[in-house]
PDB file of N, CA and C in Angstrom:
ATOM      1  N   MET A   1    -106.105 103.167 -19.127  1.00  0.00           N
ATOM      2  CA  MET A   1    -105.748 102.080 -18.181  1.00  0.00           C
ATOM      3  C   MET A   1    -104.400 102.184 -18.682  1.00  0.00           C
ATOM      4  N   THR A   2    -103.632 101.919 -17.424  1.00  0.00           N
ATOM      5  CA  THR A   2    -101.981 101.714 -17.715  1.00  0.00           C
ATOM      6  C   THR A   2    -101.834 100.348 -17.474  1.00  0.00           C
ATOM      7  N   GLU A   3    -102.445  99.828 -16.605  1.00  0.00           N
ATOM      8  CA  GLU A   3    -101.943  98.551 -16.118  1.00  0.00           C
ATOM      9  C   GLU A   3    -103.005  97.190 -16.977  1.00  0.00           C
ATOM     10  N   VAL A   4    -102.255  96.157 -17.827  1.00  0.00           N
ATOM     11  CA  VAL A   4    -102.987  95.520 -18.615  1.00  0.00           C
ATOM     12  C   VAL A   4    -102.894  93.990 -17.907  1.00  0.00           C
ATOM     13  N   SER A   5    -103.911  93.306 -17.305  1.00  0.00           N
ATOM     14  CA  SER A   5    -103.977  92.512 -16.699  1.00  0.00           C
ATOM     15  C   SER A   5    -104.444  90.708 -17.764  1.00  0.00           C
ATOM     16  N   GLU A   6    -103.573  89.675 -17.492  1.00  0.00           N
ATOM     17  CA  GLU A   6    -103.412  88.819 -18.796  1.00  0.00           C
ATOM     18  C   GLU A   6    -105.369  88.287 -19.017  1.00  0.00           C
ATOM     19  N   ALA A   7    -105.738  88.262 -19.963  1.00  0.00           N
ATOM     20  CA  ALA A   7    -107.270  88.153 -20.112  1.00  0.00           C
ATOM     21  C   ALA A   7    -107.504  86.234 -19.484  1.00  0.00           C
ATOM     22  N   ALA A   8    -108.350  86.307 -18.807  1.00  0.00           N
ATOM     23  CA  ALA A   8    -108.974  85.072 -18.422  1.00  0.00           C
ATOM     24  C   ALA A   8    -108.947  84.010 -19.274  1.00  0.00           C
ATOM     25  N   GLN A   9    -108.528  82.705 -19.187  1.00  0.00           N
ATOM     26  CA  GLN A   9    -108.689  81.475 -20.071  1.00  0.00           C
ATOM     27  C   GLN A   9    -109.672  80.868 -19.768  1.00  0.00           C
ATOM     28  N   ILE A  10    -110.240  80.137 -20.681  1.00  0.00           N
ATOM     29  CA  ILE A  10    -111.118  79.077 -20.361  1.00  0.00           C
ATOM     30  C   ILE A  10    -110.244  77.736 -20.286  1.00  0.00           C
ATOM     31  N   ALA A  11    -110.883  77.057 -19.151  1.00  0.00           N
ATOM     32  CA  ALA A  11    -109.991  75.687 -18.947  1.00  0.00           C
ATOM     33  C   ALA A  11    -110.693  75.017 -19.848  1.00  0.00           C
ATOM     34  N   PRO A  12    -109.486  74.113 -20.251  1.00  0.00           N
ATOM     35  CA  PRO A  12    -109.793  72.951 -21.352  1.00  0.00           C
ATOM     36  C   PRO A  12    -110.594  72.125 -20.522  1.00  0.00           C
ATOM     37  N   GLN A  13    -110.894  72.027 -19.238  1.00  0.00           N
ATOM     38  CA  GLN A  13    -112.085  70.886 -18.647  1.00  0.00           C
ATOM     39  C   GLN A  13    -113.136  71.373 -19.142  1.00  0.00           C
ATOM     40  N   ALA A  14    -113.238  72.672 -19.150  1.00  0.00           N
ATOM     41  CA  ALA A  14    -114.744  73.430 -19.329  1.00  0.00           C
ATOM     42  C   ALA A  14    -114.872  73.398 -20.607  1.00  0.00           C
ATOM     43  N   ILE A  15    -114.100  73.315 -21.553  1.00  0.00           N
ATOM     44  CA  ILE A  15    -114.095  73.539 -22.963  1.00  0.00           C
ATOM     45  C   ILE A  15    -114.590  71.778 -23.184  1.00  0.00           C
ATOM     46  N   ALA A  16    -114.057  70.885 -23.068  1.00  0.00           N
ATOM     47  CA  ALA A  16    -113.996  69.511 -23.072  1.00  0.00           C
ATOM     48  C   ALA A  16    -115.703  69.287 -22.424  1.00  0.00           C
ATOM     49  N   ARG A  17    -115.925  69.455 -21.652  1.00  0.00           N
ATOM     50  CA  ARG A  17    -117.380  69.351 -20.490  1.00  0.00           C
ATOM     51  C   ARG A  17    -118.350  69.963 -21.431  1.00  0.00           C
ATOM     52  N   TRP A  18    -118.458  71.059 -22.184  1.00  0.00           N
ATOM     53  CA  TRP A  18    -118.964  71.807 -23.075  1.00  0.00           C
ATOM     54  C   TRP A  18    -119.452  71.125 -24.413  1.00  0.00           C
ATOM     55  N   THR A  19    -118.044  70.918 -25.144  1.00  0.00           N
ATOM     56  CA  THR A  19    -118.354  70.287 -26.328  1.00  0.00           C
ATOM     57  C   THR A  19    -119.114  68.676 -26.298  1.00  0.00           C
ATOM     58  N   GLY A  20    -118.985  68.306 -25.026  1.00  0.00           N
ATOM     59  CA  GLY A  20    -119.667  67.072 -24.747  1.00  0.00           C
ATOM     60  C   GLY A  20    -121.112  67.128 -24.421  1.00  0.00           C
ATOM     61  N   LEU A  21    -121.730  68.048 -24.341  1.00  0.00           N
ATOM     62  CA  LEU A  21    -123.086  68.353 -24.379  1.00  0.00           C
ATOM     63  C   LEU A  21    -123.816  68.352 -25.760  1.00  0.00           C
ATOM     64  N   PRO A  22    -124.907  67.818 -25.743  1.00  0.00           N
ATOM     65  CA  PRO A  22    -125.694  67.432 -26.947  1.00  0.00           C
ATOM     66  C   PRO A  22    -126.047  68.738 -27.359  1.00  0.00           C
ATOM     67  N   GLU A  23    -125.800  69.219 -28.790  1.00  0.00           N
ATOM     68  CA  GLU A  23    -126.068  70.609 -28.987  1.00  0.00           C
ATOM     69  C   GLU A  23    -127.398  70.978 -29.063  1.00  0.00           C
ATOM     70  N   ASP A  24    -128.713  69.679 -29.298  1.00  0.00           N
ATOM     71  CA  ASP A  24    -130.043  70.438 -29.014  1.00  0.00           C
ATOM     72  C   ASP A  24    -130.608  70.010 -27.740  1.00  0.00           C
ATOM     73  N   ALA A  25    -129.719  69.752 -26.697  1.00  0.00           N
ATOM     74  CA  ALA A  25    -130.487  69.730 -25.470  1.00  0.00           C
ATOM     75  C   ALA A  25    -130.746  70.992 -24.764  1.00  0.00           C
ATOM     76  N   PRO A  26    -131.791  70.943 -24.218  1.00  0.00           N
ATOM     77  CA  PRO A  26    -131.896  72.430 -23.126  1.00  0.00           C
ATOM     78  C   PRO A  26    -131.082  72.446 -22.163  1.00  0.00           C
ATOM     79  N   LEU A  27    -130.622  73.178 -21.657  1.00  0.00           N
ATOM     80  CA  LEU A  27    -129.464  73.247 -20.839  1.00  0.00           C
ATOM     81  C   LEU A  27    -130.232  74.053 -19.594  1.00  0.00           C
ATOM     82  N   ARG A  28    -129.369  73.879 -18.377  1.00  0.00           N
ATOM     83  CA  ARG A  28    -130.016  74.373 -16.732  1.00  0.00           C
ATOM     84  C   ARG A  28    -128.564  74.917 -16.713  1.00  0.00           C
ATOM     85  N   ILE A  29    -128.766  76.395 -16.252  1.00  0.00           N
ATOM     86  CA  ILE A  29    -127.393  77.258 -16.138  1.00  0.00           C
ATOM     87  C   ILE A  29    -127.567  77.925 -15.033  1.00  0.00           C
ATOM     88  N   SER A  30    -126.649  77.901 -13.892  1.00  0.00           N
ATOM     89  CA  SER A  30    -127.049  78.449 -12.850  1.00  0.00           C
ATOM     90  C   SER A  30    -125.197  79.745 -12.713  1.00  0.00           C
ATOM     91  N   LEU A  31    -126.101  80.878 -12.492  1.00  0.00           N
ATOM     92  CA  LEU A  31    -124.764  82.240 -12.787  1.00  0.00           C
ATOM     93  C   LEU A  31    -124.827  82.789 -11.718  1.00  0.00           C
ATOM     94  N   THR A  32    -123.627  83.326 -11.144  1.00  0.00           N
ATOM     95  CA  THR A  32    -123.341  84.200 -10.092  1.00  0.00           C
ATOM     96  C   THR A  32    -123.361  85.680 -10.504  1.00  0.00           C
ATOM     97  N   ARG A  33    -123.708  86.632  -9.673  1.00  0.00           N
ATOM     98  CA  ARG A  33    -123.592  87.952 -10.050  1.00  0.00           C
ATOM     99  C   ARG A  33    -122.307  88.145 -10.784  1.00  0.00           C
ATOM    100  N   ALA A  34    -121.202  87.411 -10.167  1.00  0.00           N
ATOM    101  CA  ALA A  34    -119.844  87.637 -10.415  1.00  0.00           C
ATOM    102  C   ALA A  34    -119.719  87.387 -12.144  1.00  0.00           C
ATOM    103  N   ASP A  35    -120.378  86.420 -12.603  1.00  0.00           N
ATOM    104  CA  ASP A  35    -120.490  85.917 -14.000  1.00  0.00           C
ATOM    105  C   ASP A  35    -121.426  86.742 -14.857  1.00  0.00           C
ATOM    106  N   LEU A  36    -122.462  87.564 -14.324  1.00  0.00           N
ATOM    107  CA  LEU A  36    -123.205  88.513 -14.982  1.00  0.00           C
ATOM    108  C   LEU A  36    -122.361  89.573 -15.108  1.00  0.00           C
ATOM    109  N   ASP A  37    -121.688  89.993 -13.971  1.00  0.00           N
ATOM    110  CA  ASP A  37    -120.646  91.145 -14.198  1.00  0.00           C
ATOM    111  C   ASP A  37    -119.964  91.167 -15.131  1.00  0.00           C
ATOM    112  N   ASN A  38    -119.216  89.880 -15.002  1.00  0.00           N
ATOM    113  CA  ASN A  38    -118.209  89.897 -16.417  1.00  0.00           C
ATOM    114  C   ASN A  38    -118.709  89.961 -17.563  1.00  0.00           C
ATOM    115  N   LEU A  39    -119.741  89.483 -18.090  1.00  0.00           N
ATOM    116  CA  LEU A  39    -120.627  89.618 -18.968  1.00  0.00           C
ATOM    117  C   LEU A  39    -120.938  91.308 -19.568  1.00  0.00           C
ATOM    118  N   LEU A  40    -121.671  91.814 -18.099  1.00  0.00           N
ATOM    119  CA  LEU A  40    -121.935  93.255 -18.562  1.00  0.00           C
ATOM    120  C   LEU A  40    -120.913  94.010 -18.734  1.00  0.00           C
ATOM    121  N   LEU A  41    -119.871  94.453 -17.682  1.00  0.00           N
ATOM    122  CA  LEU A  41    -118.767  95.017 -17.995  1.00  0.00           C
ATOM    123  C   LEU A  41    -117.768  94.763 -19.026  1.00  0.00           C
ATOM    124  N   GLY A  42    -117.606  93.263 -19.323  1.00  0.00           N
ATOM    125  CA  GLY A  42    -117.259  92.909 -20.712  1.00  0.00           C
ATOM    126  C   GLY A  42    -117.756  93.937 -22.155  1.00  0.00           C
ATOM    127  N   LEU A  43    -119.100  93.744 -21.958  1.00  0.00           N
ATOM    128  CA  LEU A  43    -119.708  94.338 -23.134  1.00  0.00           C
ATOM    129  C   LEU A  43    -119.482  96.010 -22.969  1.00  0.00           C
ATOM    130  N   ARG A  44    -119.623  96.342 -21.876  1.00  0.00           N
ATOM    131  CA  ARG A  44    -119.402  98.188 -21.661  1.00  0.00           C
ATOM    132  C   ARG A  44    -118.032  98.278 -21.865  1.00  0.00           C
ATOM    133  N   THR A  45    -117.000  97.345 -21.786  1.00  0.00           N
ATOM    134  CA  THR A  45    -115.835  97.906 -22.118  1.00  0.00           C
ATOM    135  C   THR A  45    -115.519  97.725 -23.416  1.00  0.00           C
ATOM    136  N   LEU A  46    -116.247  96.912 -24.179  1.00  0.00           N
ATOM    137  CA  LEU A  46    -115.926  96.826 -25.673  1.00  0.00           C
ATOM    138  C   LEU A  46    -116.588  98.158 -26.313  1.00  0.00           C
ATOM    139  N   ALA A  47    -117.752  98.761 -25.759  1.00  0.00           N
ATOM    140  CA  ALA A  47    -118.199  99.894 -26.208  1.00  0.00           C
ATOM    141  C   ALA A  47    -117.381 101.045 -26.103  1.00  0.00           C
ATOM    142  N   ILE A  48    -116.345 101.244 -24.753  1.00  0.00           N
ATOM    143  CA  ILE A  48    -115.840 102.127 -24.653  1.00  0.00           C
ATOM    144  C   ILE A  48    -114.384 102.103 -25.608  1.00  0.00           C
ATOM    145  N   GLY A  49    -114.080 100.768 -25.888  1.00  0.00           N
ATOM    146  CA  GLY A  49    -112.845 100.457 -26.517  1.00  0.00           C
ATOM    147  C   GLY A  49    -113.465 101.320 -28.351  1.00  0.00           C
ATOM    148  N   GLN A  50    -114.666 101.232 -28.504  1.00  0.00           N
ATOM    149  CA  GLN A  50    -114.940 101.452 -29.780  1.00  0.00           C
ATOM    150  C   GLN A  50    -114.822 102.907 -29.816  1.00  0.00           C
ATOM    151  N   SER A  51    -115.246 103.631 -28.606  1.00  0.00           N
ATOM    152  CA  SER A  51    -115.154 105.155 -28.662  1.00  0.00           C
ATOM    153  C   SER A  51    -113.596 105.428 -28.733  1.00  0.00           C
ATOM    154  N   GLU A  52    -113.031 104.465 -28.295  1.00  0.00           N
ATOM    155  CA  GLU A  52    -111.362 105.062 -28.409  1.00  0.00           C
ATOM    156  C   GLU A  52    -110.998 105.047 -29.655  1.00  0.00           C
ATOM    157  N   LEU A  53    -111.246 103.954 -30.632  1.00  0.00           N
ATOM    158  CA  LEU A  53    -111.184 103.534 -32.052  1.00  0.00           C
ATOM    159  C   LEU A  53    -111.396 105.052 -32.663  1.00  0.00           C
ATOM    160  N   ALA A  54    -112.731 105.377 -32.723  1.00  0.00           N
ATOM    161  CA  ALA A  54    -113.286 106.765 -32.992  1.00  0.00           C
ATOM    162  C   ALA A  54    -112.399 107.651 -32.791  1.00  0.00           C
ATOM    163  N   ALA A  55    -111.951 107.930 -31.276  1.00  0.00           N
ATOM    164  CA  ALA A  55    -110.936 109.021 -30.993  1.00  0.00           C
ATOM    165  C   ALA A  55    -109.904 109.086 -31.738  1.00  0.00           C
ATOM    166  N   ALA A  56    -109.362 107.741 -32.138  1.00  0.00           N
ATOM    167  CA  ALA A  56    -108.225 107.671 -32.980  1.00  0.00           C
ATOM    168  C   ALA A  56    -108.092 108.192 -34.353  1.00  0.00           C
ATOM    169  N   LEU A  57    -109.353 107.529 -34.942  1.00  0.00           N
ATOM    170  CA  LEU A  57    -109.366 108.114 -36.310  1.00  0.00           C
ATOM    171  C   LEU A  57    -109.621 109.692 -35.994  1.00  0.00           C
ATOM    172  N   ALA A  58    -110.559 110.200 -35.363  1.00  0.00           N
ATOM    173  CA  ALA A  58    -110.949 111.747 -35.547  1.00  0.00           C
ATOM    174  C   ALA A  58    -108.858 112.421 -35.254  1.00  0.00           C
ATOM    175  N   ALA A  59    -108.302 111.869 -34.378  1.00  0.00           N
ATOM    176  CA  ALA A  59    -106.831 112.313 -34.145  1.00  0.00           C
ATOM    177  C   ALA A  59    -106.080 112.066 -35.357  1.00  0.00           C
ATOM    178  N   HIS A  60    -106.276 111.234 -36.266  1.00  0.00           N
ATOM    179  CA  HIS A  60    -105.914 110.925 -37.450  1.00  0.00           C
ATOM    180  C   HIS A  60    -106.220 111.741 -38.254  1.00  0.00           C
ATOM    181  N   ILE A  61    -107.476 112.142 -38.697  1.00  0.00           N
ATOM    182  CA  ILE A  61    -107.882 112.922 -39.347  1.00  0.00           C
ATOM    183  C   ILE A  61    -107.456 114.483 -39.294  1.00  0.00           C
ATOM    184  N   ASN A  62    -107.149 114.738 -37.840  1.00  0.00           N
ATOM    185  CA  ASN A  62    -106.929 116.112 -37.507  1.00  0.00           C
ATOM    186  C   ASN A  62    -105.210 116.079 -37.472  1.00  0.00           C
ATOM    187  N   GLN A  63    -104.696 115.234 -37.790  1.00  0.00           N
ATOM    188  CA  GLN A  63    -103.163 115.158 -38.092  1.00  0.00           C
ATOM    189  C   GLN A  63    -102.611 115.028 -36.611  1.00  0.00           C
ATOM    190  N   ASP A  64    -103.285 114.603 -35.486  1.00  0.00           N
ATOM    191  CA  ASP A  64    -102.785 114.429 -34.298  1.00  0.00           C
ATOM    192  C   ASP A  64    -101.898 113.176 -33.938  1.00  0.00           C
ATOM    193  N   PRO A  65    -100.893 112.815 -34.374  1.00  0.00           N
ATOM    194  CA  PRO A  65    -100.215 111.488 -34.340  1.00  0.00           C
ATOM    195  C   PRO A  65    -100.170 110.937 -32.993  1.00  0.00           C
ATOM    196  N   GLY A  66     -99.527 111.918 -32.123  1.00  0.00           N
ATOM    197  CA  GLY A  66     -99.817 111.547 -30.664  1.00  0.00           C
ATOM    198  C   GLY A  66    -100.881 110.983 -29.903  1.00  0.00           C
ATOM    199  N   GLU A  67    -101.888 112.059 -30.087  1.00  0.00           N
ATOM    200  CA  GLU A  67    -103.323 111.524 -29.713  1.00  0.00           C
ATOM    201  C   GLU A  67    -103.879 110.061 -30.187  1.00  0.00           C
ATOM    202  N   CYS A  68    -103.633 110.061 -31.556  1.00  0.00           N
ATOM    203  CA  CYS A  68    -104.002 109.007 -32.363  1.00  0.00           C
ATOM    204  C   CYS A  68    -103.367 107.566 -31.564  1.00  0.00           C
ATOM    205  N   HIS A  69    -102.049 107.935 -31.654  1.00  0.00           N
ATOM    206  CA  HIS A  69    -101.486 106.464 -31.094  1.00  0.00           C
ATOM    207  C   HIS A  69    -101.769 106.302 -29.515  1.00  0.00           C
ATOM    208  N   GLU A  70    -102.098 107.255 -28.555  1.00  0.00           N
ATOM    209  CA  GLU A  70    -102.523 107.013 -27.067  1.00  0.00           C
ATOM    210  C   GLU A  70    -103.812 106.202 -27.209  1.00  0.00           C
ATOM    211  N   ALA A  71    -104.827 106.768 -28.217  1.00  0.00           N
ATOM    212  CA  ALA A  71    -106.164 106.271 -28.308  1.00  0.00           C
ATOM    213  C   ALA A  71    -106.037 104.804 -28.814  1.00  0.00           C
ATOM    214  N   VAL A  72    -105.139 104.508 -29.720  1.00  0.00           N
ATOM    215  CA  VAL A  72    -105.236 103.136 -30.260  1.00  0.00           C
ATOM    216  C   VAL A  72    -104.729 102.221 -29.114  1.00  0.00           C
ATOM    217  N   LEU A  73    -103.785 102.672 -28.252  1.00  0.00           N
ATOM    218  CA  LEU A  73    -103.444 101.949 -27.293  1.00  0.00           C
ATOM    219  C   LEU A  73    -104.495 101.592 -26.010  1.00  0.00           C
ATOM    220  N   ARG A  74    -104.917 102.848 -25.792  1.00  0.00           N
ATOM    221  CA  ARG A  74    -106.333 102.681 -24.996  1.00  0.00           C
ATOM    222  C   ARG A  74    -107.208 101.625 -25.367  1.00  0.00           C
ATOM    223  N   ALA A  75    -107.350 101.609 -26.750  1.00  0.00           N
ATOM    224  CA  ALA A  75    -108.626 100.797 -27.427  1.00  0.00           C
ATOM    225  C   ALA A  75    -108.033  99.219 -27.424  1.00  0.00           C
ATOM    226  N   GLY A  76    -106.749  99.066 -27.500  1.00  0.00           N
ATOM    227  CA  GLY A  76    -106.409  97.856 -27.397  1.00  0.00           C
ATOM    228  C   GLY A  76    -106.372  97.198 -25.755  1.00  0.00           C
ATOM    229  N   ASP A  77    -105.798  98.087 -24.889  1.00  0.00           N
ATOM    230  CA  ASP A  77    -106.214  97.869 -23.506  1.00  0.00           C
ATOM    231  C   ASP A  77    -107.381  97.587 -22.955  1.00  0.00           C
ATOM    232  N   LEU A  78    -108.326  98.266 -23.469  1.00  0.00           N
ATOM    233  CA  LEU A  78    -109.848  97.773 -23.257  1.00  0.00           C
ATOM    234  C   LEU A  78    -110.348  96.489 -24.244  1.00  0.00           C
ATOM    235  N   SER A  79    -110.012  96.567 -24.975  1.00  0.00           N
ATOM    236  CA  SER A  79    -110.219  95.142 -25.871  1.00  0.00           C
ATOM    237  C   SER A  79    -109.398  93.898 -25.135  1.00  0.00           C
ATOM    238  N   ARG A  80    -108.519  93.919 -24.424  1.00  0.00           N
ATOM    239  CA  ARG A  80    -108.019  92.768 -23.986  1.00  0.00           C
ATOM    240  C   ARG A  80    -108.627  92.676 -22.501  1.00  0.00           C
ATOM    241  N   ALA A  81    -109.053  93.681 -21.800  1.00  0.00           N
ATOM    242  CA  ALA A  81    -110.170  93.369 -20.600  1.00  0.00           C
ATOM    243  C   ALA A  81    -111.197  92.808 -21.000  1.00  0.00           C
ATOM    244  N   ALA A  82    -111.550  93.592 -22.077  1.00  0.00           N
ATOM    245  CA  ALA A  82    -113.061  93.198 -22.281  1.00  0.00           C
ATOM    246  C   ALA A  82    -112.997  91.320 -22.531  1.00  0.00           C
ATOM    247  N   PHE A  83    -112.043  91.128 -23.459  1.00  0.00           N
ATOM    248  CA  PHE A  83    -111.865  89.693 -23.756  1.00  0.00           C
ATOM    249  C   PHE A  83    -111.610  88.884 -22.621  1.00  0.00           C
ATOM    250  N   GLY A  84    -110.825  89.756 -21.451  1.00  0.00           N
ATOM    251  CA  GLY A  84    -110.944  88.313 -20.393  1.00  0.00           C
ATOM    252  C   GLY A  84    -112.222  88.482 -19.740  1.00  0.00           C
ATOM    253  N   ARG A  85    -112.640  89.770 -19.443  1.00  0.00           N
ATOM    254  CA  ARG A  85    -114.392  89.281 -18.820  1.00  0.00           C
ATOM    255  C   ARG A  85    -115.387  88.488 -19.399  1.00  0.00           C
ATOM    256  N   ILE A  86    -115.172  88.701 -20.860  1.00  0.00           N
ATOM    257  CA  ILE A  86    -116.077  87.645 -21.706  1.00  0.00           C
ATOM    258  C   ILE A  86    -115.894  86.090 -21.400  1.00  0.00           C
ATOM    259  N   ASN A  87    -114.570  86.243 -21.603  1.00  0.00           N
ATOM    260  CA  ASN A  87    -114.093  84.563 -21.616  1.00  0.00           C
ATOM    261  C   ASN A  87    -114.440  84.048 -20.305  1.00  0.00           C
ATOM    262  N   GLY A  88    -114.453  85.022 -18.874  1.00  0.00           N
ATOM    263  CA  GLY A  88    -114.962  84.717 -17.394  1.00  0.00           C
ATOM    264  C   GLY A  88    -116.514  84.285 -17.621  1.00  0.00           C
ATOM    265  N   PHE A  89    -116.673  84.944 -18.243  1.00  0.00           N
ATOM    266  CA  PHE A  89    -118.304  84.598 -18.360  1.00  0.00           C
ATOM    267  C   PHE A  89    -118.373  82.998 -19.251  1.00  0.00           C
ATOM    268  N   ALA A  90    -117.971  83.248 -20.461  1.00  0.00           N
ATOM    269  CA  ALA A  90    -118.234  81.820 -21.423  1.00  0.00           C
ATOM    270  C   ALA A  90    -117.579  80.569 -20.329  1.00  0.00           C
ATOM    271  N   GLY A  91    -116.363  80.998 -19.735  1.00  0.00           N
ATOM    272  CA  GLY A  91    -115.882  79.815 -18.698  1.00  0.00           C
ATOM    273  C   GLY A  91    -117.035  79.277 -17.737  1.00  0.00           C
ATOM    274  N   ALA A  92    -117.663  80.387 -17.171  1.00  0.00           N
ATOM    275  CA  ALA A  92    -118.768  80.139 -16.236  1.00  0.00           C
ATOM    276  C   ALA A  92    -119.875  78.864 -16.855  1.00  0.00           C
ATOM    277  N   ILE A  93    -120.472  79.697 -17.910  1.00  0.00           N
ATOM    278  CA  ILE A  93    -121.289  78.897 -18.548  1.00  0.00           C
ATOM    279  C   ILE A  93    -120.725  77.119 -19.118  1.00  0.00           C
ATOM    280  N   MET A  94    -119.842  77.119 -19.914  1.00  0.00           N
ATOM    281  CA  MET A  94    -119.185  75.902 -20.193  1.00  0.00           C
ATOM    282  C   MET A  94    -118.780  74.759 -18.812  1.00  0.00           C
ATOM    283  N   ALA A  95    -118.401  75.550 -17.806  1.00  0.00           N
ATOM    284  CA  ALA A  95    -118.305  74.897 -16.698  1.00  0.00           C
ATOM    285  C   ALA A  95    -119.432  74.252 -15.883  1.00  0.00           C
ATOM    286  N   GLY A  96    -120.680  75.078 -15.851  1.00  0.00           N
ATOM    287  CA  GLY A  96    -121.806  74.884 -14.749  1.00  0.00           C
ATOM    288  C   GLY A  96    -122.871  74.352 -15.523  1.00  0.00           C
ATOM    289  N   ALA A  97    -123.029  74.753 -17.147  1.00  0.00           N
ATOM    290  CA  ALA A  97    -124.098  74.081 -17.613  1.00  0.00           C
ATOM    291  C   ALA A  97    -124.417  72.744 -17.736  1.00  0.00           C
ATOM    292  N   VAL A  98    -125.541  71.985 -17.440  1.00  0.00           N
ATOM    293  CA  VAL A  98    -126.043  70.808 -17.232  1.00  0.00           C
ATOM    294  C   VAL A  98    -127.355  70.536 -18.012  1.00  0.00           C
ATOM    295  N   PRO A  99    -127.332  69.286 -18.990  1.00  0.00           N
ATOM    296  CA  PRO A  99    -128.671  69.023 -19.623  1.00  0.00           C
ATOM    297  C   PRO A  99    -130.108  69.095 -18.271  1.00  0.00           C
ATOM    298  N   GLU A 100    -130.650  69.750 -18.740  1.00  0.00           N
ATOM    299  CA  GLU A 100    -132.085  69.738 -18.134  1.00  0.00           C
ATOM    300  C   GLU A 100    -133.177  68.569 -18.121  1.00  0.00           C
ATOM    301  N   GLY A 101    -133.277  67.931 -17.314  1.00  0.00           N
ATOM    302  CA  GLY A 101    -134.070  66.761 -16.972  1.00  0.00           C
ATOM    303  C   GLY A 101    -133.534  65.541 -16.306  1.00  0.00           C
TER     304      GLY A 101
END
């Protein structure tokens, strides 16, 4: 990954709305496929980032500082991308959840 986009931020209004919901209330949540894609691709990206960290460790053990550095950079890029997707999913839930009933 060479291009890193800024992580999606959760809107303050969505956070305020979410914190205003009763903690024990059942919720009704309507999600789009794009919302679920954010969750699934965010989790997948985290897993790939973990493999990059393992590659960085292997490169470090094998005394390959160049590859170690590159793998750490890739892991960081993947982590930021995953964070953005997971924030997008969380924001959709916070913005759209309504108490059932």
